[in-house]
Amino acid sequence: VGKVCMDRNNSVKHYKETSQESQEETCRFIAELLNKKYPRVKPVVTPRFAPSCTGALLGQLGAIAKNNNLHIQSHISENVEEVKLVKDMFPESESYTHIYHKYNLLTDKTVMAHGCYLSDEELNLFRETGASLSHCPNSNISLCSGILNVRNVLKHKVKLGLGTDVAGGYSASMLDAVRRALDSSKVLTIQDPEHETLTFEEVFRLATLGGSQALSMDDQTGNFEVGKDFDALRVNVAAPGGPMDLIQSDAPKILLEKFLNLGDDRNIVEVFVAGRKVVPFTDKNE
């Protein structure tokens, strides 16, 4: 979780601070959160995005992240107008991605949302630095921002997970993110028959192990390898009153595909986080 930093333009006036205020408040937030010693809540350095930050602030935030070995989150190349704006605001920069790189904000602990209009050269820089992308298809469609070519990102060997962009779209559900990612890939295939449509297995991986890799946490979670945290859903595909029609001969792979495409919270019987059952929740949960 991070404190949003912004010292430039008035698009969201109540977010705007001076560079010094942003730096001081970020340091205070980090110190207070680390002092609480939460095992699964960590601070993340959060420049809102390049158009709302001066170079001075970006440099300060990059230094804070480096000195404290912290994660970084922001967003990049969400829509065409944004890319043009960044080019006008940072004329000396080779690309949008190079701005973050210049200020030490592109690291193996960086997650950038969107990336719909990144060039091949920019994707190469993501791979070289170990930075990752968060694909937010619902937001990208809802705001008419663009469609990320996930296949191209994967070909460039850039770490990639699925996201919801908080309130950028109409759903915070990871199941919805899976479905919209599949839809977006199919739209790209309609536009270009040579495009290789994503499979549900590939998108399921993005929603699980892909996300943990994007956060550089794949040594702790993301799949069921021995030694990792037990983060899991127990799903009942035959839940009473549920949304799926089942055929007796359905193989496990078909059941998974049906859940990803049709399932909802009626099918999710239990949720485990680091081995602790949190749904259904009781005071006796351990």
Protein backbone atom coordinates (compact mmCIF):
# COMPACT_ATOMS: atom_id res chain seq x y z
CA VAL A 1 0.00 0.00 0.00
CA GLY A 2 1.35 3.42 -0.90
CA LYS A 3 0.91 7.14 -0.46
CA VAL A 4 0.11 8.79 -3.80
CA CYS A 5 2.62 11.51 -4.71
CA MET A 6 1.88 14.44 -7.01
CA ASP A 7 3.48 17.89 -7.21
CA ARG A 8 2.52 18.94 -10.72
CA ASN A 9 -0.71 19.99 -12.54
CA ASN A 10 -4.11 20.45 -10.93
CA SER A 11 -6.06 17.49 -12.29
CA VAL A 12 -6.68 16.21 -8.74
CA LYS A 13 -6.14 19.24 -6.54
CA HIS A 14 -6.46 17.48 -3.18
CA TYR A 15 -3.59 15.14 -4.13
CA LYS A 16 -1.19 17.94 -5.01
CA GLU A 17 1.67 18.82 -2.65
CA THR A 18 5.07 20.41 -2.92
CA SER A 19 7.98 18.12 -3.73
CA GLN A 20 9.20 18.46 -0.16
CA GLU A 21 5.78 17.61 1.30
CA SER A 22 5.53 14.51 -0.90
CA GLN A 23 9.00 13.37 0.09
CA GLU A 24 8.47 13.96 3.81
CA GLU A 25 5.01 12.37 3.90
CA THR A 26 6.25 9.35 1.93
CA CYS A 27 9.10 8.83 4.39
CA ARG A 28 6.74 9.23 7.34
CA PHE A 29 4.24 6.78 5.85
CA ILE A 30 6.94 4.20 5.16
CA ALA A 31 8.40 4.49 8.66
CA GLU A 32 5.03 4.19 10.39
CA LEU A 33 3.92 1.21 8.32
CA LEU A 34 7.20 -0.65 8.76
CA ASN A 35 7.03 0.02 12.49
CA LYS A 36 3.74 -1.87 12.67
CA LYS A 37 5.55 -4.99 11.41
CA TYR A 38 2.57 -6.33 9.48
CA PRO A 39 3.61 -9.65 7.92
CA ARG A 40 1.58 -9.19 4.72
CA VAL A 41 1.22 -5.41 4.33
CA LYS A 42 4.23 -3.55 2.99
CA PRO A 43 4.79 0.05 1.88
CA VAL A 44 5.22 0.85 -1.81
CA VAL A 45 6.59 4.06 -3.32
CA THR A 46 3.81 5.60 -5.43
CA PRO A 47 4.41 8.43 -7.89
CA ARG A 48 0.92 9.02 -9.34
CA PHE A 49 2.44 9.00 -12.83
CA ALA A 50 4.98 11.05 -14.76
CA PRO A 51 2.58 13.83 -15.92
CA SER A 52 1.75 14.69 -12.29
CA CYS A 53 5.33 14.65 -10.97
CA THR A 54 8.30 16.90 -11.57
CA GLY A 55 11.65 15.36 -12.33
CA ALA A 56 12.80 16.47 -8.89
CA LEU A 57 10.05 14.50 -7.15
CA LEU A 58 10.56 11.44 -9.32
CA GLY A 59 14.25 11.50 -8.41
CA GLN A 60 13.49 11.81 -4.70
CA LEU A 61 11.04 8.90 -4.83
CA GLY A 62 13.51 6.76 -6.76
CA ALA A 63 16.11 7.40 -4.07
CA ILE A 64 13.67 6.55 -1.28
CA ALA A 65 12.77 3.26 -2.95
CA LYS A 66 16.42 2.38 -3.54
CA ASN A 67 17.59 3.28 -0.04
CA ASN A 68 14.80 1.27 1.59
CA ASN A 69 14.65 -1.60 -0.95
CA LEU A 70 10.95 -0.95 -1.57
CA HIS A 71 8.46 -1.80 -4.26
CA ILE A 72 7.35 0.91 -6.69
CA GLN A 73 3.95 1.29 -8.34
CA SER A 74 2.68 3.75 -10.93
CA HIS A 75 1.26 3.62 -14.41
CA ILE A 76 2.50 4.07 -17.95
CA SER A 77 1.24 4.51 -21.52
CA GLU A 78 -2.43 4.05 -20.68
CA ASN A 79 -3.84 6.08 -23.57
CA VAL A 80 -2.67 7.99 -26.64
CA GLU A 81 -3.28 11.47 -25.20
CA GLU A 82 -1.24 10.62 -22.10
CA VAL A 83 1.71 9.46 -24.19
CA LYS A 84 1.62 12.70 -26.20
CA LEU A 85 1.38 14.76 -23.01
CA VAL A 86 4.40 13.03 -21.49
CA LYS A 87 6.40 13.66 -24.66
CA ASP A 88 5.58 17.37 -24.44
CA MET A 89 6.35 17.58 -20.71
CA PHE A 90 9.63 15.63 -20.91
CA PRO A 91 10.98 16.55 -24.38
CA GLU A 92 14.51 15.53 -23.41
CA SER A 93 13.45 11.94 -22.69
CA GLU A 94 13.79 9.20 -25.28
CA SER A 95 10.48 7.62 -24.23
CA TYR A 96 7.92 7.43 -21.43
CA THR A 97 9.72 4.38 -20.02
CA HIS A 98 13.08 6.14 -20.08
CA ILE A 99 11.70 8.82 -17.72
CA TYR A 100 11.09 6.27 -14.99
CA HIS A 101 14.41 4.59 -15.77
CA LYS A 102 16.29 7.91 -15.49
CA TYR A 103 14.97 8.45 -11.96
CA ASN A 104 15.65 4.88 -10.70
CA LEU A 105 11.97 3.99 -10.72
CA LEU A 106 12.30 1.03 -13.07
CA THR A 107 13.56 -1.88 -10.97
CA ASP A 108 12.82 -5.54 -10.37
CA LYS A 109 10.35 -4.36 -7.72
CA THR A 110 8.45 -2.01 -10.04
CA VAL A 111 4.88 -2.65 -11.20
CA MET A 112 3.47 -0.36 -13.89
CA ALA A 113 -0.21 -0.52 -14.78
CA HIS A 114 -1.47 -0.57 -18.39
CA GLY A 115 1.41 -0.19 -20.89
CA CYS A 116 -0.97 -0.28 -23.87
CA TYR A 117 1.31 1.78 -26.11
CA LEU A 118 4.81 0.69 -25.15
CA SER A 119 7.25 0.26 -28.03
CA ASP A 120 9.37 -2.84 -28.50
CA GLU A 121 12.37 -0.84 -27.27
CA GLU A 122 10.50 0.12 -24.10
CA LEU A 123 9.47 -3.49 -23.50
CA ASN A 124 13.12 -4.48 -23.85
CA LEU A 125 13.99 -1.95 -21.14
CA PHE A 126 11.31 -3.46 -18.90
CA ARG A 127 12.85 -6.89 -19.38
CA GLU A 128 16.40 -5.65 -18.80
CA THR A 129 15.50 -3.91 -15.54
CA GLY A 130 13.18 -6.67 -14.31
CA ALA A 131 10.23 -4.27 -14.09
CA SER A 132 6.73 -5.65 -14.60
CA LEU A 133 3.38 -4.69 -16.07
CA SER A 134 -0.12 -5.05 -14.64
CA HIS A 135 -2.69 -5.66 -17.37
CA CYS A 136 -5.97 -3.93 -16.45
CA PRO A 137 -8.33 -4.87 -19.31
CA ASN A 138 -11.62 -3.78 -17.72
CA SER A 139 -10.27 -0.29 -17.08
CA ASN A 140 -8.68 -0.07 -20.52
CA ILE A 141 -11.99 -0.98 -22.17
CA SER A 142 -14.22 1.09 -19.86
CA LEU A 143 -12.14 4.24 -20.37
CA CYS A 144 -11.57 3.54 -24.09
CA SER A 145 -7.84 3.72 -23.38
CA GLY A 146 -6.55 0.93 -25.59
CA ILE A 147 -5.87 -2.79 -25.66
CA LEU A 148 -2.62 -4.25 -24.38
CA ASN A 149 -1.13 -6.82 -26.73
CA VAL A 150 -0.36 -9.38 -24.04
CA ARG A 151 1.12 -11.80 -26.55
CA ASN A 152 3.71 -9.21 -27.56
CA VAL A 153 4.55 -8.48 -23.90
CA LEU A 154 5.08 -12.18 -23.25
CA LYS A 155 7.25 -12.51 -26.37
CA HIS A 156 9.47 -9.79 -24.93
CA LYS A 157 9.73 -11.85 -21.71
CA VAL A 158 8.40 -9.03 -19.54
CA LYS A 159 6.85 -10.03 -16.20
CA LEU A 160 3.09 -9.60 -16.41
CA GLY A 161 0.14 -9.99 -14.04
CA LEU A 162 -3.54 -9.05 -14.07
CA GLY A 163 -4.98 -6.01 -12.29
CA THR A 164 -8.21 -4.07 -11.90
CA ASP A 165 -6.93 -0.45 -11.75
CA VAL A 166 -8.85 0.05 -8.48
CA ALA A 167 -11.86 2.06 -9.72
CA GLY A 168 -10.75 2.44 -13.34
CA GLY A 169 -13.23 -0.21 -14.46
CA TYR A 170 -16.52 -1.48 -13.08
CA SER A 171 -15.22 -4.56 -11.26
CA ALA A 172 -12.51 -5.37 -8.73
CA SER A 173 -12.95 -9.11 -9.35
CA MET A 174 -9.99 -11.11 -10.59
CA LEU A 175 -12.45 -13.41 -12.35
CA ASP A 176 -13.65 -10.40 -14.30
CA ALA A 177 -10.04 -9.47 -15.10
CA VAL A 178 -9.52 -12.97 -16.52
CA ARG A 179 -12.62 -12.67 -18.71
CA ARG A 180 -11.83 -9.18 -19.98
CA ALA A 181 -8.24 -10.23 -20.74
CA LEU A 182 -9.57 -13.08 -22.87
CA ASP A 183 -12.06 -10.75 -24.59
CA SER A 184 -9.34 -8.18 -25.32
CA SER A 185 -7.12 -10.83 -26.85
CA LYS A 186 -9.99 -11.98 -29.09
CA VAL A 187 -10.57 -8.40 -30.25
CA LEU A 188 -6.92 -8.20 -31.30
CA THR A 189 -7.39 -11.42 -33.27
CA ILE A 190 -10.45 -9.94 -35.01
CA GLN A 191 -8.34 -6.94 -35.98
CA ASP A 192 -5.40 -9.11 -37.04
CA PRO A 193 -6.08 -12.78 -37.87
CA GLU A 194 -2.34 -13.46 -37.49
CA HIS A 195 -2.55 -12.56 -33.79
CA GLU A 196 -2.30 -15.61 -31.52
CA THR A 197 -5.27 -15.48 -29.15
CA LEU A 198 -4.55 -16.11 -25.49
CA THR A 199 -5.83 -19.36 -24.02
CA PHE A 200 -7.70 -19.54 -20.73
CA GLU A 201 -4.76 -21.50 -19.29
CA GLU A 202 -2.39 -18.65 -20.13
CA VAL A 203 -4.65 -16.03 -18.58
CA PHE A 204 -5.19 -18.19 -15.47
CA ARG A 205 -1.42 -18.22 -15.09
CA LEU A 206 -1.32 -14.41 -15.38
CA ALA A 207 -3.93 -14.18 -12.60
CA THR A 208 -1.91 -16.42 -10.27
CA LEU A 209 1.80 -17.04 -10.76
CA GLY A 210 2.06 -14.09 -13.15
CA GLY A 211 0.87 -11.71 -10.47
CA SER A 212 3.31 -13.05 -7.90
CA GLN A 213 6.16 -12.77 -10.40
CA ALA A 214 5.13 -9.20 -11.23
CA LEU A 215 5.43 -8.37 -7.52
CA SER A 216 8.71 -10.29 -7.16
CA MET A 217 6.95 -12.52 -4.64
CA ASP A 218 6.93 -15.77 -6.60
CA ASP A 219 9.26 -17.31 -4.03
CA GLN A 220 6.40 -16.96 -1.51
CA THR A 221 3.16 -17.43 -3.42
CA GLY A 222 1.58 -17.87 -6.84
CA ASN A 223 1.23 -21.65 -7.01
CA PHE A 224 1.25 -24.72 -4.79
CA GLU A 225 4.95 -25.51 -4.78
CA VAL A 226 6.13 -26.98 -1.49
CA GLY A 227 7.45 -24.27 0.81
CA LYS A 228 5.26 -21.45 -0.47
CA ASP A 229 2.37 -19.85 1.42
CA PHE A 230 -0.96 -21.64 1.03
CA ASP A 231 -2.98 -18.93 -0.74
CA ALA A 232 -5.98 -20.69 -2.18
CA LEU A 233 -9.66 -20.80 -3.04
CA ARG A 234 -11.77 -23.89 -2.45
CA VAL A 235 -14.27 -23.89 -5.27
CA ASN A 236 -17.50 -25.87 -5.54
CA VAL A 237 -18.45 -25.90 -9.21
CA ALA A 238 -21.74 -27.62 -8.30
CA ALA A 239 -22.80 -25.08 -5.65
CA PRO A 240 -26.60 -25.04 -5.12
CA GLY A 241 -28.12 -22.20 -7.12
CA GLY A 242 -24.78 -21.61 -8.81
CA PRO A 243 -24.24 -20.19 -12.30
CA MET A 244 -22.85 -23.27 -14.05
CA ASP A 245 -24.47 -26.16 -15.86
CA LEU A 246 -22.37 -29.29 -15.50
CA ILE A 247 -22.11 -32.43 -17.59
CA GLN A 248 -21.13 -35.63 -15.82
CA SER A 249 -18.29 -36.25 -18.25
CA ASP A 250 -16.70 -32.81 -17.76
CA ALA A 251 -12.95 -33.21 -17.21
CA PRO A 252 -11.15 -31.13 -14.54
CA LYS A 253 -9.76 -28.82 -17.24
CA ILE A 254 -13.28 -28.14 -18.52
CA LEU A 255 -14.51 -27.49 -14.98
CA LEU A 256 -11.72 -24.94 -14.46
CA GLU A 257 -12.59 -23.23 -17.73
CA LYS A 258 -16.26 -23.09 -16.76
CA PHE A 259 -15.42 -21.58 -13.38
CA LEU A 260 -13.18 -18.92 -14.94
CA ASN A 261 -15.84 -17.99 -17.50
CA LEU A 262 -19.03 -18.42 -15.47
CA GLY A 263 -18.21 -18.73 -11.77
CA ASP A 264 -18.83 -16.18 -9.05
CA ASP A 265 -18.77 -15.90 -5.25
CA ARG A 266 -21.48 -18.56 -4.95
CA ASN A 267 -18.86 -21.08 -6.03
CA ILE A 268 -16.12 -19.90 -3.67
CA VAL A 269 -16.57 -21.94 -0.51
CA GLU A 270 -13.37 -21.07 1.34
CA VAL A 271 -10.51 -18.60 0.99
CA PHE A 272 -7.07 -19.18 2.52
CA VAL A 273 -4.35 -16.54 2.94
CA ALA A 274 -0.94 -17.83 4.04
CA GLY A 275 -2.62 -20.96 5.36
CA ARG A 276 -5.24 -19.08 7.38
CA LYS A 277 -8.89 -19.50 6.45
CA VAL A 278 -10.38 -16.01 6.03
CA VAL A 279 -13.66 -16.98 4.30
CA PRO A 280 -15.93 -17.92 5.92
CA PHE A 281 -14.51 -15.82 8.73
CA THR A 282 -14.95 -16.59 12.41
CA ASP A 283 -13.05 -15.47 15.49
CA LYS A 284 -11.74 -19.03 15.74
CA ASN A 285 -10.07 -18.96 12.30
CA GLU A 286 -6.41 -19.86 12.52
